[in-house]
Each structure stands twice: as structure tokens, then as C-alpha cells.
Amino acid sequence: MVIPAMSLLFKILPEDTWESAKKAGKFEGSPLDRSDGFIHLSAADQVRETAARHFAGQAGLVLVAIDSEALGDSLKWEPSRGGALFPHIYGDLPLAAVRWVKPLPMTNGRHQFPEETFA
């Protein structure tokens, strides 16, 4: 299994969920994350599909950019149902690993990603 070399990974969240995580000093995962036992992330080449598939039509979201190297051994790349490798965090997301957080606005029913996502 070849692990992708990435520096930034991404998490899409409702803005109020992110605000709660900032107050708590860590992100413990969404209800789905906690149910699955890990925090779901996306690589830059996966995040648009993640938004379309799991957040279609949802406004009020933020895109959280995470430094993969800061996650250490808690980061695992695992195959999805379709076989593609996706990044997962086993444990909490430490806020120190977050590089930036930006709004994920909607235009004509589609999320508009900041250019830094793909740099």
C-alpha cells in the first residue's frame, strides 16, 4: 500500500462545530466520526467530492486545513469502500495541527473552495 505524500489534509465542518472545537481546544470528531472510531479527513484531490457527496446543499460550512506531519502516528491512510486511500485521525484533532480555517461558501448550489486548498 502506497501512502500519499501530502502536507495539507482537510476537514469540512459546520461553522458552529468549529467554534465549539476552538473553545474546547480540540476537535473530538463529528457524530459520524465518533461512531466510526476515527476522524474522517480528505486529501486535496478528494475534498471536492467529499463536499458534493456528504455536504451537498449545506451552507454555513468551513474548510479546515490540517498539517499532516503534525498528526504523527494518529494519522492513518485507509482504503474506502471504493478502494481509494483516505486519511483518518485516530484520536482528537489537536488545534496546533490546524494551518488555516476558511469559509466554504456556496455559489449556484456548489461549494467554492479557496485556492490554497490545491496549492
PDB file of N, CA and C in Angstrom:
ATOM      1  N   MET A   1       0.845  -1.185   0.000  1.00  0.00           N
ATOM      2  CA  MET A   1       0.000   0.000   0.000  1.00  0.00           C
ATOM      3  C   MET A   1       0.886   1.243   0.000  1.00  0.00           C
ATOM      4  N   VAL A   2       0.692   2.120  -0.958  1.00  0.00           N
ATOM      5  CA  VAL A   2       1.468   3.356  -1.061  1.00  0.00           C
ATOM      6  C   VAL A   2       0.706   4.472  -0.358  1.00  0.00           C
ATOM      7  N   ILE A   3       1.354   5.081   0.605  1.00  0.00           N
ATOM      8  CA  ILE A   3       0.750   6.184   1.350  1.00  0.00           C
ATOM      9  C   ILE A   3       1.025   7.485   0.603  1.00  0.00           C
ATOM     10  N   PRO A   4      -0.033   8.243   0.281  1.00  0.00           N
ATOM     11  CA  PRO A   4       0.181   9.512  -0.433  1.00  0.00           C
ATOM     12  C   PRO A   4       1.040  10.484   0.383  1.00  0.00           C
ATOM     13  N   ALA A   5       1.909  11.207  -0.297  1.00  0.00           N
ATOM     14  CA  ALA A   5       2.714  12.244   0.354  1.00  0.00           C
ATOM     15  C   ALA A   5       1.917  13.548   0.295  1.00  0.00           C
ATOM     16  N   MET A   6       1.414  13.982   1.397  1.00  0.00           N
ATOM     17  CA  MET A   6       0.590  15.189   1.467  1.00  0.00           C
ATOM     18  C   MET A   6       1.087  16.044   2.619  1.00  0.00           C
ATOM     19  N   SER A   7       0.978  17.322   2.477  1.00  0.00           N
ATOM     20  CA  SER A   7       1.270  18.167   3.629  1.00  0.00           C
ATOM     21  C   SER A   7      -0.022  18.699   4.243  1.00  0.00           C
ATOM     22  N   LEU A   8      -1.006  19.072   3.407  1.00  0.00           N
ATOM     23  CA  LEU A   8      -2.273  19.554   3.945  1.00  0.00           C
ATOM     24  C   LEU A   8      -3.385  18.545   3.695  1.00  0.00           C
ATOM     25  N   LEU A   9      -4.153  18.308   4.726  1.00  0.00           N
ATOM     26  CA  LEU A   9      -5.363  17.496   4.657  1.00  0.00           C
ATOM     27  C   LEU A   9      -6.521  18.387   5.066  1.00  0.00           C
ATOM     28  N   PHE A  10      -7.758  17.944   4.807  1.00  0.00           N
ATOM     29  CA  PHE A  10      -8.898  18.829   5.007  1.00  0.00           C
ATOM     30  C   PHE A  10     -10.049  18.155   5.734  1.00  0.00           C
ATOM     31  N   LYS A  11     -10.746  18.972   6.518  1.00  0.00           N
ATOM     32  CA  LYS A  11     -11.966  18.568   7.207  1.00  0.00           C
ATOM     33  C   LYS A  11     -13.011  19.639   6.927  1.00  0.00           C
ATOM     34  N   ILE A  12     -14.201  19.208   6.524  1.00  0.00           N
ATOM     35  CA  ILE A  12     -15.323  20.126   6.307  1.00  0.00           C
ATOM     36  C   ILE A  12     -16.236  20.017   7.520  1.00  0.00           C
ATOM     37  N   LEU A  13     -16.576  21.175   8.077  1.00  0.00           N
ATOM     38  CA  LEU A  13     -17.398  21.206   9.288  1.00  0.00           C
ATOM     39  C   LEU A  13     -18.387  22.357   9.248  1.00  0.00           C
ATOM     40  N   PRO A  14     -19.510  22.201   9.937  1.00  0.00           N
ATOM     41  CA  PRO A  14     -20.355  23.378  10.165  1.00  0.00           C
ATOM     42  C   PRO A  14     -19.569  24.396  10.999  1.00  0.00           C
ATOM     43  N   GLU A  15     -19.759  25.653  10.696  1.00  0.00           N
ATOM     44  CA  GLU A  15     -19.010  26.707  11.395  1.00  0.00           C
ATOM     45  C   GLU A  15     -19.205  26.648  12.907  1.00  0.00           C
ATOM     46  N   ASP A  16     -20.423  26.380  13.370  1.00  0.00           N
ATOM     47  CA  ASP A  16     -20.659  26.334  14.818  1.00  0.00           C
ATOM     48  C   ASP A  16     -19.931  25.157  15.475  1.00  0.00           C
ATOM     49  N   THR A  17     -19.763  24.062  14.759  1.00  0.00           N
ATOM     50  CA  THR A  17     -18.999  22.927  15.288  1.00  0.00           C
ATOM     51  C   THR A  17     -17.540  23.316  15.451  1.00  0.00           C
ATOM     52  N   TRP A  18     -17.008  24.056  14.478  1.00  0.00           N
ATOM     53  CA  TRP A  18     -15.620  24.510  14.578  1.00  0.00           C
ATOM     54  C   TRP A  18     -15.458  25.481  15.746  1.00  0.00           C
ATOM     55  N   GLU A  19     -16.413  26.380  15.910  1.00  0.00           N
ATOM     56  CA  GLU A  19     -16.338  27.326  17.034  1.00  0.00           C
ATOM     57  C   GLU A  19     -16.330  26.581  18.372  1.00  0.00           C
ATOM     58  N   SER A  20     -17.118  25.537  18.493  1.00  0.00           N
ATOM     59  CA  SER A  20     -17.129  24.724  19.717  1.00  0.00           C
ATOM     60  C   SER A  20     -15.784  24.035  19.933  1.00  0.00           C
ATOM     61  N   ALA A  21     -15.182  23.546  18.858  1.00  0.00           N
ATOM     62  CA  ALA A  21     -13.877  22.897  18.961  1.00  0.00           C
ATOM     63  C   ALA A  21     -12.817  23.891  19.434  1.00  0.00           C
ATOM     64  N   LYS A  22     -12.861  25.114  18.908  1.00  0.00           N
ATOM     65  CA  LYS A  22     -11.900  26.138  19.340  1.00  0.00           C
ATOM     66  C   LYS A  22     -12.040  26.402  20.836  1.00  0.00           C
ATOM     67  N   LYS A  23     -13.265  26.489  21.310  1.00  0.00           N
ATOM     68  CA  LYS A  23     -13.483  26.726  22.746  1.00  0.00           C
ATOM     69  C   LYS A  23     -12.972  25.558  23.582  1.00  0.00           C
ATOM     70  N   ALA A  24     -13.134  24.344  23.070  1.00  0.00           N
ATOM     71  CA  ALA A  24     -12.695  23.145  23.788  1.00  0.00           C
ATOM     72  C   ALA A  24     -11.186  22.929  23.677  1.00  0.00           C
ATOM     73  N   GLY A  25     -10.546  23.571  22.680  1.00  0.00           N
ATOM     74  CA  GLY A  25      -9.116  23.401  22.487  1.00  0.00           C
ATOM     75  C   GLY A  25      -8.741  22.174  21.684  1.00  0.00           C
ATOM     76  N   LYS A  26      -9.740  21.462  21.153  1.00  0.00           N
ATOM     77  CA  LYS A  26      -9.503  20.283  20.316  1.00  0.00           C
ATOM     78  C   LYS A  26     -10.798  19.918  19.610  1.00  0.00           C
ATOM     79  N   PHE A  27     -10.662  19.153  18.542  1.00  0.00           N
ATOM     80  CA  PHE A  27     -11.838  18.656  17.839  1.00  0.00           C
ATOM     81  C   PHE A  27     -11.901  17.153  18.066  1.00  0.00           C
ATOM     82  N   GLU A  28     -12.976  16.708  18.667  1.00  0.00           N
ATOM     83  CA  GLU A  28     -13.133  15.293  19.013  1.00  0.00           C
ATOM     84  C   GLU A  28     -13.854  14.504  17.932  1.00  0.00           C
ATOM     85  N   GLY A  29     -14.260  15.167  16.862  1.00  0.00           N
ATOM     86  CA  GLY A  29     -14.937  14.492  15.773  1.00  0.00           C
ATOM     87  C   GLY A  29     -16.420  14.784  15.736  1.00  0.00           C
ATOM     88  N   SER A  30     -16.986  14.591  14.558  1.00  0.00           N
ATOM     89  CA  SER A  30     -18.429  14.731  14.371  1.00  0.00           C
ATOM     90  C   SER A  30     -19.108  13.483  14.935  1.00  0.00           C
ATOM     91  N   PRO A  31     -20.436  13.491  15.033  1.00  0.00           N
ATOM     92  CA  PRO A  31     -21.109  12.263  15.465  1.00  0.00           C
ATOM     93  C   PRO A  31     -20.742  11.056  14.584  1.00  0.00           C
ATOM     94  N   LEU A  32     -20.635  11.255  13.267  1.00  0.00           N
ATOM     95  CA  LEU A  32     -20.241  10.155  12.383  1.00  0.00           C
ATOM     96  C   LEU A  32     -18.814   9.706  12.675  1.00  0.00           C
ATOM     97  N   ASP A  33     -17.911  10.670  12.869  1.00  0.00           N
ATOM     98  CA  ASP A  33     -16.525  10.331  13.196  1.00  0.00           C
ATOM     99  C   ASP A  33     -16.473   9.472  14.457  1.00  0.00           C
ATOM    100  N   ARG A  34     -17.149   9.921  15.496  1.00  0.00           N
ATOM    101  CA  ARG A  34     -17.122   9.189  16.769  1.00  0.00           C
ATOM    102  C   ARG A  34     -17.723   7.793  16.605  1.00  0.00           C
ATOM    103  N   SER A  35     -18.776   7.687  15.816  1.00  0.00           N
ATOM    104  CA  SER A  35     -19.400   6.391  15.564  1.00  0.00           C
ATOM    105  C   SER A  35     -18.441   5.448  14.834  1.00  0.00           C
ATOM    106  N   ASP A  36     -17.666   5.987  13.885  1.00  0.00           N
ATOM    107  CA  ASP A  36     -16.725   5.175  13.120  1.00  0.00           C
ATOM    108  C   ASP A  36     -15.417   4.906  13.863  1.00  0.00           C
ATOM    109  N   GLY A  37     -15.147   5.671  14.925  1.00  0.00           N
ATOM    110  CA  GLY A  37     -13.941   5.454  15.717  1.00  0.00           C
ATOM    111  C   GLY A  37     -12.724   6.217  15.242  1.00  0.00           C
ATOM    112  N   PHE A  38     -12.913   7.140  14.292  1.00  0.00           N
ATOM    113  CA  PHE A  38     -11.813   7.967  13.805  1.00  0.00           C
ATOM    114  C   PHE A  38     -12.401   9.210  13.155  1.00  0.00           C
ATOM    115  N   ILE A  39     -11.560  10.231  12.965  1.00  0.00           N
ATOM    116  CA  ILE A  39     -11.982  11.463  12.308  1.00  0.00           C
ATOM    117  C   ILE A  39     -11.672  11.342  10.822  1.00  0.00           C
ATOM    118  N   HIS A  40     -12.709  11.482  10.009  1.00  0.00           N
ATOM    119  CA  HIS A  40     -12.567  11.421   8.553  1.00  0.00           C
ATOM    120  C   HIS A  40     -11.935  12.710   8.035  1.00  0.00           C
ATOM    121  N   LEU A  41     -10.925  12.581   7.191  1.00  0.00           N
ATOM    122  CA  LEU A  41     -10.309  13.723   6.516  1.00  0.00           C
ATOM    123  C   LEU A  41     -10.312  13.448   5.019  1.00  0.00           C
ATOM    124  N   SER A  42      -9.941  14.458   4.251  1.00  0.00           N
ATOM    125  CA  SER A  42      -9.796  14.321   2.802  1.00  0.00           C
ATOM    126  C   SER A  42      -8.488  14.959   2.378  1.00  0.00           C
ATOM    127  N   ALA A  43      -7.868  14.378   1.364  1.00  0.00           N
ATOM    128  CA  ALA A  43      -6.723  14.998   0.712  1.00  0.00           C
ATOM    129  C   ALA A  43      -7.264  16.049  -0.259  1.00  0.00           C
ATOM    130  N   ALA A  44      -6.380  16.890  -0.783  1.00  0.00           N
ATOM    131  CA  ALA A  44      -6.803  17.963  -1.686  1.00  0.00           C
ATOM    132  C   ALA A  44      -7.540  17.420  -2.908  1.00  0.00           C
ATOM    133  N   ASP A  45      -7.109  16.277  -3.422  1.00  0.00           N
ATOM    134  CA  ASP A  45      -7.768  15.726  -4.604  1.00  0.00           C
ATOM    135  C   ASP A  45      -9.065  14.986  -4.286  1.00  0.00           C
ATOM    136  N   GLN A  46      -9.433  14.919  -3.005  1.00  0.00           N
ATOM    137  CA  GLN A  46     -10.648  14.222  -2.580  1.00  0.00           C
ATOM    138  C   GLN A  46     -11.711  15.156  -2.021  1.00  0.00           C
ATOM    139  N   VAL A  47     -11.310  16.352  -1.609  1.00  0.00           N
ATOM    140  CA  VAL A  47     -12.197  17.188  -0.798  1.00  0.00           C
ATOM    141  C   VAL A  47     -13.405  17.716  -1.568  1.00  0.00           C
ATOM    142  N   ARG A  48     -13.271  17.975  -2.844  1.00  0.00           N
ATOM    143  CA  ARG A  48     -14.432  18.434  -3.628  1.00  0.00           C
ATOM    144  C   ARG A  48     -15.506  17.345  -3.688  1.00  0.00           C
ATOM    145  N   GLU A  49     -15.092  16.115  -3.916  1.00  0.00           N
ATOM    146  CA  GLU A  49     -16.050  15.011  -3.948  1.00  0.00           C
ATOM    147  C   GLU A  49     -16.674  14.791  -2.569  1.00  0.00           C
ATOM    148  N   THR A  50     -15.870  14.928  -1.527  1.00  0.00           N
ATOM    149  CA  THR A  50     -16.403  14.811  -0.164  1.00  0.00           C
ATOM    150  C   THR A  50     -17.490  15.850   0.062  1.00  0.00           C
ATOM    151  N   ALA A  51     -17.241  17.084  -0.358  1.00  0.00           N
ATOM    152  CA  ALA A  51     -18.238  18.150  -0.191  1.00  0.00           C
ATOM    153  C   ALA A  51     -19.509  17.826  -0.964  1.00  0.00           C
ATOM    154  N   ALA A  52     -19.348  17.400  -2.207  1.00  0.00           N
ATOM    155  CA  ALA A  52     -20.511  17.100  -3.052  1.00  0.00           C
ATOM    156  C   ALA A  52     -21.304  15.912  -2.530  1.00  0.00           C
ATOM    157  N   ARG A  53     -20.624  14.921  -2.039  1.00  0.00           N
ATOM    158  CA  ARG A  53     -21.283  13.690  -1.608  1.00  0.00           C
ATOM    159  C   ARG A  53     -21.909  13.801  -0.215  1.00  0.00           C
ATOM    160  N   HIS A  54     -21.196  14.438   0.701  1.00  0.00           N
ATOM    161  CA  HIS A  54     -21.631  14.432   2.110  1.00  0.00           C
ATOM    162  C   HIS A  54     -22.170  15.768   2.622  1.00  0.00           C
ATOM    163  N   PHE A  55     -21.963  16.851   1.854  1.00  0.00           N
ATOM    164  CA  PHE A  55     -22.384  18.170   2.322  1.00  0.00           C
ATOM    165  C   PHE A  55     -23.159  18.934   1.251  1.00  0.00           C
ATOM    166  N   ALA A  56     -23.730  18.226   0.295  1.00  0.00           N
ATOM    167  CA  ALA A  56     -24.455  18.861  -0.811  1.00  0.00           C
ATOM    168  C   ALA A  56     -25.544  19.785  -0.287  1.00  0.00           C
ATOM    169  N   GLY A  57     -25.528  21.026  -0.790  1.00  0.00           N
ATOM    170  CA  GLY A  57     -26.557  21.991  -0.438  1.00  0.00           C
ATOM    171  C   GLY A  57     -26.427  22.605   0.941  1.00  0.00           C
ATOM    172  N   GLN A  58     -25.433  22.222   1.708  1.00  0.00           N
ATOM    173  CA  GLN A  58     -25.279  22.757   3.070  1.00  0.00           C
ATOM    174  C   GLN A  58     -24.461  24.044   3.054  1.00  0.00           C
ATOM    175  N   ALA A  59     -25.030  25.067   3.638  1.00  0.00           N
ATOM    176  CA  ALA A  59     -24.332  26.343   3.800  1.00  0.00           C
ATOM    177  C   ALA A  59     -23.792  26.419   5.228  1.00  0.00           C
ATOM    178  N   GLY A  60     -23.031  27.455   5.504  1.00  0.00           N
ATOM    179  CA  GLY A  60     -22.520  27.657   6.858  1.00  0.00           C
ATOM    180  C   GLY A  60     -21.393  26.722   7.233  1.00  0.00           C
ATOM    181  N   LEU A  61     -20.628  26.269   6.227  1.00  0.00           N
ATOM    182  CA  LEU A  61     -19.530  25.338   6.475  1.00  0.00           C
ATOM    183  C   LEU A  61     -18.190  26.060   6.439  1.00  0.00           C
ATOM    184  N   VAL A  62     -17.206  25.434   7.078  1.00  0.00           N
ATOM    185  CA  VAL A  62     -15.826  25.907   6.989  1.00  0.00           C
ATOM    186  C   VAL A  62     -14.953  24.754   6.503  1.00  0.00           C
ATOM    187  N   LEU A  63     -13.846  25.133   5.893  1.00  0.00           N
ATOM    188  CA  LEU A  63     -12.839  24.180   5.458  1.00  0.00           C
ATOM    189  C   LEU A  63     -11.638  24.344   6.379  1.00  0.00           C
ATOM    190  N   VAL A  64     -11.276  23.272   7.053  1.00  0.00           N
ATOM    191  CA  VAL A  64     -10.161  23.280   7.991  1.00  0.00           C
ATOM    192  C   VAL A  64      -8.975  22.592   7.319  1.00  0.00           C
ATOM    193  N   ALA A  65      -7.864  23.316   7.187  1.00  0.00           N
ATOM    194  CA  ALA A  65      -6.635  22.774   6.603  1.00  0.00           C
ATOM    195  C   ALA A  65      -5.727  22.305   7.725  1.00  0.00           C
ATOM    196  N   ILE A  66      -5.275  21.065   7.620  1.00  0.00           N
ATOM    197  CA  ILE A  66      -4.533  20.413   8.692  1.00  0.00           C
ATOM    198  C   ILE A  66      -3.171  19.974   8.167  1.00  0.00           C
ATOM    199  N   ASP A  67      -2.127  20.258   8.935  1.00  0.00           N
ATOM    200  CA  ASP A  67      -0.772  19.834   8.596  1.00  0.00           C
ATOM    201  C   ASP A  67      -0.649  18.349   8.923  1.00  0.00           C
ATOM    202  N   SER A  68      -0.530  17.522   7.897  1.00  0.00           N
ATOM    203  CA  SER A  68      -0.484  16.069   8.113  1.00  0.00           C
ATOM    204  C   SER A  68       0.705  15.655   8.974  1.00  0.00           C
ATOM    205  N   GLU A  69       1.825  16.335   8.823  1.00  0.00           N
ATOM    206  CA  GLU A  69       3.019  15.964   9.593  1.00  0.00           C
ATOM    207  C   GLU A  69       2.834  16.207  11.087  1.00  0.00           C
ATOM    208  N   ALA A  70       1.983  17.150  11.452  1.00  0.00           N
ATOM    209  CA  ALA A  70       1.748  17.452  12.866  1.00  0.00           C
ATOM    210  C   ALA A  70       0.883  16.402  13.554  1.00  0.00           C
ATOM    211  N   LEU A  71       0.298  15.496  12.785  1.00  0.00           N
ATOM    212  CA  LEU A  71      -0.591  14.481  13.363  1.00  0.00           C
ATOM    213  C   LEU A  71       0.152  13.251  13.868  1.00  0.00           C
ATOM    214  N   GLY A  72       1.370  13.073  13.423  1.00  0.00           N
ATOM    215  CA  GLY A  72       2.167  11.943  13.904  1.00  0.00           C
ATOM    216  C   GLY A  72       1.508  10.603  13.627  1.00  0.00           C
ATOM    217  N   ASP A  73       1.632   9.713  14.595  1.00  0.00           N
ATOM    218  CA  ASP A  73       1.126   8.355  14.447  1.00  0.00           C
ATOM    219  C   ASP A  73      -0.389   8.246  14.508  1.00  0.00           C
ATOM    220  N   SER A  74      -1.079   9.337  14.858  1.00  0.00           N
ATOM    221  CA  SER A  74      -2.546   9.269  14.904  1.00  0.00           C
ATOM    222  C   SER A  74      -3.154   9.270  13.499  1.00  0.00           C
ATOM    223  N   LEU A  75      -2.353   9.628  12.473  1.00  0.00           N
ATOM    224  CA  LEU A  75      -2.832   9.658  11.085  1.00  0.00           C
ATOM    225  C   LEU A  75      -2.611   8.305  10.427  1.00  0.00           C
ATOM    226  N   LYS A  76      -3.681   7.770   9.882  1.00  0.00           N
ATOM    227  CA  LYS A  76      -3.622   6.505   9.142  1.00  0.00           C
ATOM    228  C   LYS A  76      -4.301   6.707   7.795  1.00  0.00           C
ATOM    229  N   TRP A  77      -3.743   6.128   6.747  1.00  0.00           N
ATOM    230  CA  TRP A  77      -4.344   6.130   5.417  1.00  0.00           C
ATOM    231  C   TRP A  77      -4.979   4.769   5.228  1.00  0.00           C
ATOM    232  N   GLU A  78      -6.284   4.769   4.975  1.00  0.00           N
ATOM    233  CA  GLU A  78      -7.008   3.505   4.874  1.00  0.00           C
ATOM    234  C   GLU A  78      -7.924   3.512   3.657  1.00  0.00           C
ATOM    235  N   PRO A  79      -8.137   2.329   3.073  1.00  0.00           N
ATOM    236  CA  PRO A  79      -8.993   2.266   1.882  1.00  0.00           C
ATOM    237  C   PRO A  79     -10.461   2.506   2.217  1.00  0.00           C
ATOM    238  N   SER A  80     -11.119   3.213   1.316  1.00  0.00           N
ATOM    239  CA  SER A  80     -12.566   3.426   1.435  1.00  0.00           C
ATOM    240  C   SER A  80     -13.272   2.266   0.749  1.00  0.00           C
ATOM    241  N   ARG A  81     -14.593   2.339   0.733  1.00  0.00           N
ATOM    242  CA  ARG A  81     -15.366   1.284   0.062  1.00  0.00           C
ATOM    243  C   ARG A  81     -14.936   1.115  -1.392  1.00  0.00           C
ATOM    244  N   GLY A  82     -14.564   2.216  -2.042  1.00  0.00           N
ATOM    245  CA  GLY A  82     -14.147   2.152  -3.436  1.00  0.00           C
ATOM    246  C   GLY A  82     -12.676   1.803  -3.626  1.00  0.00           C
ATOM    247  N   GLY A  83     -11.940   1.657  -2.547  1.00  0.00           N
ATOM    248  CA  GLY A  83     -10.532   1.288  -2.622  1.00  0.00           C
ATOM    249  C   GLY A  83      -9.553   2.437  -2.534  1.00  0.00           C
ATOM    250  N   ALA A  84     -10.013   3.679  -2.708  1.00  0.00           N
ATOM    251  CA  ALA A  84      -9.116   4.836  -2.598  1.00  0.00           C
ATOM    252  C   ALA A  84      -8.668   5.002  -1.146  1.00  0.00           C
ATOM    253  N   LEU A  85      -7.426   5.428  -0.963  1.00  0.00           N
ATOM    254  CA  LEU A  85      -6.922   5.677   0.388  1.00  0.00           C
ATOM    255  C   LEU A  85      -7.400   7.031   0.882  1.00  0.00           C
ATOM    256  N   PHE A  86      -7.957   7.038   2.094  1.00  0.00           N
ATOM    257  CA  PHE A  86      -8.388   8.276   2.730  1.00  0.00           C
ATOM    258  C   PHE A  86      -7.666   8.426   4.057  1.00  0.00           C
ATOM    259  N   PRO A  87      -7.357   9.669   4.452  1.00  0.00           N
ATOM    260  CA  PRO A  87      -6.699   9.904   5.731  1.00  0.00           C
ATOM    261  C   PRO A  87      -7.705   9.904   6.879  1.00  0.00           C
ATOM    262  N   HIS A  88      -7.312   9.272   7.978  1.00  0.00           N
ATOM    263  CA  HIS A  88      -8.133   9.218   9.182  1.00  0.00           C
ATOM    264  C   HIS A  88      -7.259   9.555  10.390  1.00  0.00           C
ATOM    265  N   ILE A  89      -7.842  10.258  11.347  1.00  0.00           N
ATOM    266  CA  ILE A  89      -7.151  10.536  12.600  1.00  0.00           C
ATOM    267  C   ILE A  89      -7.760   9.639  13.672  1.00  0.00           C
ATOM    268  N   TYR A  90      -6.911   8.883  14.323  1.00  0.00           N
ATOM    269  CA  TYR A  90      -7.340   8.077  15.459  1.00  0.00           C
ATOM    270  C   TYR A  90      -6.996   8.872  16.712  1.00  0.00           C
ATOM    271  N   GLY A  91      -8.002   9.470  17.291  1.00  0.00           N
ATOM    272  CA  GLY A  91      -7.846  10.368  18.425  1.00  0.00           C
ATOM    273  C   GLY A  91      -8.427  11.722  18.068  1.00  0.00           C
ATOM    274  N   ASP A  92      -8.151  12.700  18.902  1.00  0.00           N
ATOM    275  CA  ASP A  92      -8.647  14.054  18.676  1.00  0.00           C
ATOM    276  C   ASP A  92      -7.748  14.795  17.682  1.00  0.00           C
ATOM    277  N   LEU A  93      -8.330  15.778  17.007  1.00  0.00           N
ATOM    278  CA  LEU A  93      -7.552  16.673  16.158  1.00  0.00           C
ATOM    279  C   LEU A  93      -7.030  17.800  17.036  1.00  0.00           C
ATOM    280  N   PRO A  94      -5.713  17.867  17.254  1.00  0.00           N
ATOM    281  CA  PRO A  94      -5.178  18.976  18.050  1.00  0.00           C
ATOM    282  C   PRO A  94      -5.216  20.271  17.229  1.00  0.00           C
ATOM    283  N   LEU A  95      -5.646  21.343  17.847  1.00  0.00           N
ATOM    284  CA  LEU A  95      -5.755  22.606  17.123  1.00  0.00           C
ATOM    285  C   LEU A  95      -4.392  23.118  16.651  1.00  0.00           C
ATOM    286  N   ALA A  96      -3.322  22.684  17.301  1.00  0.00           N
ATOM    287  CA  ALA A  96      -1.976  23.089  16.872  1.00  0.00           C
ATOM    288  C   ALA A  96      -1.652  22.563  15.479  1.00  0.00           C
ATOM    289  N   ALA A  97      -2.343  21.523  15.014  1.00  0.00           N
ATOM    290  CA  ALA A  97      -2.107  20.964  13.682  1.00  0.00           C
ATOM    291  C   ALA A  97      -2.853  21.734  12.592  1.00  0.00           C
ATOM    292  N   VAL A  98      -3.733  22.634  12.983  1.00  0.00           N
ATOM    293  CA  VAL A  98      -4.549  23.375  12.024  1.00  0.00           C
ATOM    294  C   VAL A  98      -3.742  24.546  11.463  1.00  0.00           C
ATOM    295  N   ARG A  99      -3.648  24.613  10.134  1.00  0.00           N
ATOM    296  CA  ARG A  99      -2.915  25.696   9.474  1.00  0.00           C
ATOM    297  C   ARG A  99      -3.814  26.875   9.163  1.00  0.00           C
ATOM    298  N   TRP A 100      -5.027  26.612   8.723  1.00  0.00           N
ATOM    299  CA  TRP A 100      -5.976  27.701   8.485  1.00  0.00           C
ATOM    300  C   TRP A 100      -7.388  27.138   8.431  1.00  0.00           C
ATOM    301  N   VAL A 101      -8.333  28.058   8.621  1.00  0.00           N
ATOM    302  CA  VAL A 101      -9.765  27.745   8.535  1.00  0.00           C
ATOM    303  C   VAL A 101     -10.400  28.839   7.699  1.00  0.00           C
ATOM    304  N   LYS A 102     -11.142  28.438   6.673  1.00  0.00           N
ATOM    305  CA  LYS A 102     -11.782  29.418   5.787  1.00  0.00           C
ATOM    306  C   LYS A 102     -13.228  29.021   5.542  1.00  0.00           C
ATOM    307  N   PRO A 103     -14.070  30.015   5.299  1.00  0.00           N
ATOM    308  CA  PRO A 103     -15.462  29.704   4.944  1.00  0.00           C
ATOM    309  C   PRO A 103     -15.516  28.897   3.649  1.00  0.00           C
ATOM    310  N   LEU A 104     -16.549  28.088   3.530  1.00  0.00           N
ATOM    311  CA  LEU A 104     -16.780  27.299   2.320  1.00  0.00           C
ATOM    312  C   LEU A 104     -18.126  27.737   1.746  1.00  0.00           C
ATOM    313  N   PRO A 105     -18.124  28.912   1.080  1.00  0.00           N
ATOM    314  CA  PRO A 105     -19.384  29.475   0.590  1.00  0.00           C
ATOM    315  C   PRO A 105     -19.977  28.671  -0.562  1.00  0.00           C
ATOM    316  N   MET A 106     -21.259  28.899  -0.788  1.00  0.00           N
ATOM    317  CA  MET A 106     -21.965  28.241  -1.884  1.00  0.00           C
ATOM    318  C   MET A 106     -22.272  29.269  -2.969  1.00  0.00           C
ATOM    319  N   THR A 107     -22.070  28.870  -4.212  1.00  0.00           N
ATOM    320  CA  THR A 107     -22.468  29.660  -5.367  1.00  0.00           C
ATOM    321  C   THR A 107     -23.155  28.723  -6.345  1.00  0.00           C
ATOM    322  N   ASN A 108     -24.389  29.077  -6.711  1.00  0.00           N
ATOM    323  CA  ASN A 108     -25.165  28.238  -7.636  1.00  0.00           C
ATOM    324  C   ASN A 108     -25.216  26.782  -7.185  1.00  0.00           C
ATOM    325  N   GLY A 109     -25.358  26.585  -5.864  1.00  0.00           N
ATOM    326  CA  GLY A 109     -25.509  25.243  -5.314  1.00  0.00           C
ATOM    327  C   GLY A 109     -24.234  24.438  -5.169  1.00  0.00           C
ATOM    328  N   ARG A 110     -23.069  25.060  -5.428  1.00  0.00           N
ATOM    329  CA  ARG A 110     -21.793  24.353  -5.308  1.00  0.00           C
ATOM    330  C   ARG A 110     -20.880  25.082  -4.332  1.00  0.00           C
ATOM    331  N   HIS A 111     -20.116  24.325  -3.564  1.00  0.00           N
ATOM    332  CA  HIS A 111     -19.159  24.917  -2.646  1.00  0.00           C
ATOM    333  C   HIS A 111     -17.986  25.506  -3.423  1.00  0.00           C
ATOM    334  N   GLN A 112     -17.552  26.665  -2.989  1.00  0.00           N
ATOM    335  CA  GLN A 112     -16.437  27.366  -3.611  1.00  0.00           C
ATOM    336  C   GLN A 112     -15.209  27.232  -2.701  1.00  0.00           C
ATOM    337  N   PHE A 113     -14.202  26.542  -3.187  1.00  0.00           N
ATOM    338  CA  PHE A 113     -13.013  26.260  -2.390  1.00  0.00           C
ATOM    339  C   PHE A 113     -11.960  27.344  -2.557  1.00  0.00           C
ATOM    340  N   PRO A 114     -11.264  27.683  -1.458  1.00  0.00           N
ATOM    341  CA  PRO A 114     -10.164  28.656  -1.565  1.00  0.00           C
ATOM    342  C   PRO A 114      -9.035  28.064  -2.400  1.00  0.00           C
ATOM    343  N   GLU A 115      -8.321  28.907  -3.114  1.00  0.00           N
ATOM    344  CA  GLU A 115      -7.228  28.435  -3.976  1.00  0.00           C
ATOM    345  C   GLU A 115      -6.157  27.700  -3.200  1.00  0.00           C
ATOM    346  N   GLU A 116      -5.947  28.064  -1.941  1.00  0.00           N
ATOM    347  CA  GLU A 116      -4.908  27.426  -1.134  1.00  0.00           C
ATOM    348  C   GLU A 116      -5.143  25.941  -0.952  1.00  0.00           C
ATOM    349  N   THR A 117      -6.371  25.493  -1.159  1.00  0.00           N
ATOM    350  CA  THR A 117      -6.695  24.082  -0.994  1.00  0.00           C
ATOM    351  C   THR A 117      -5.844  23.224  -1.924  1.00  0.00           C
ATOM    352  N   PHE A 118      -5.567  23.731  -3.078  1.00  0.00           N
ATOM    353  CA  PHE A 118      -4.923  22.915  -4.103  1.00  0.00           C
ATOM    354  C   PHE A 118      -3.506  23.366  -4.420  1.00  0.00           C
ATOM    355  N   ALA A 119      -2.960  24.250  -3.597  1.00  0.00           N
ATOM    356  CA  ALA A 119      -1.594  24.745  -3.823  1.00  0.00           C
ATOM    357  C   ALA A 119      -0.556  23.753  -3.331  1.00  0.00           C
TER     358      ALA A 119
END
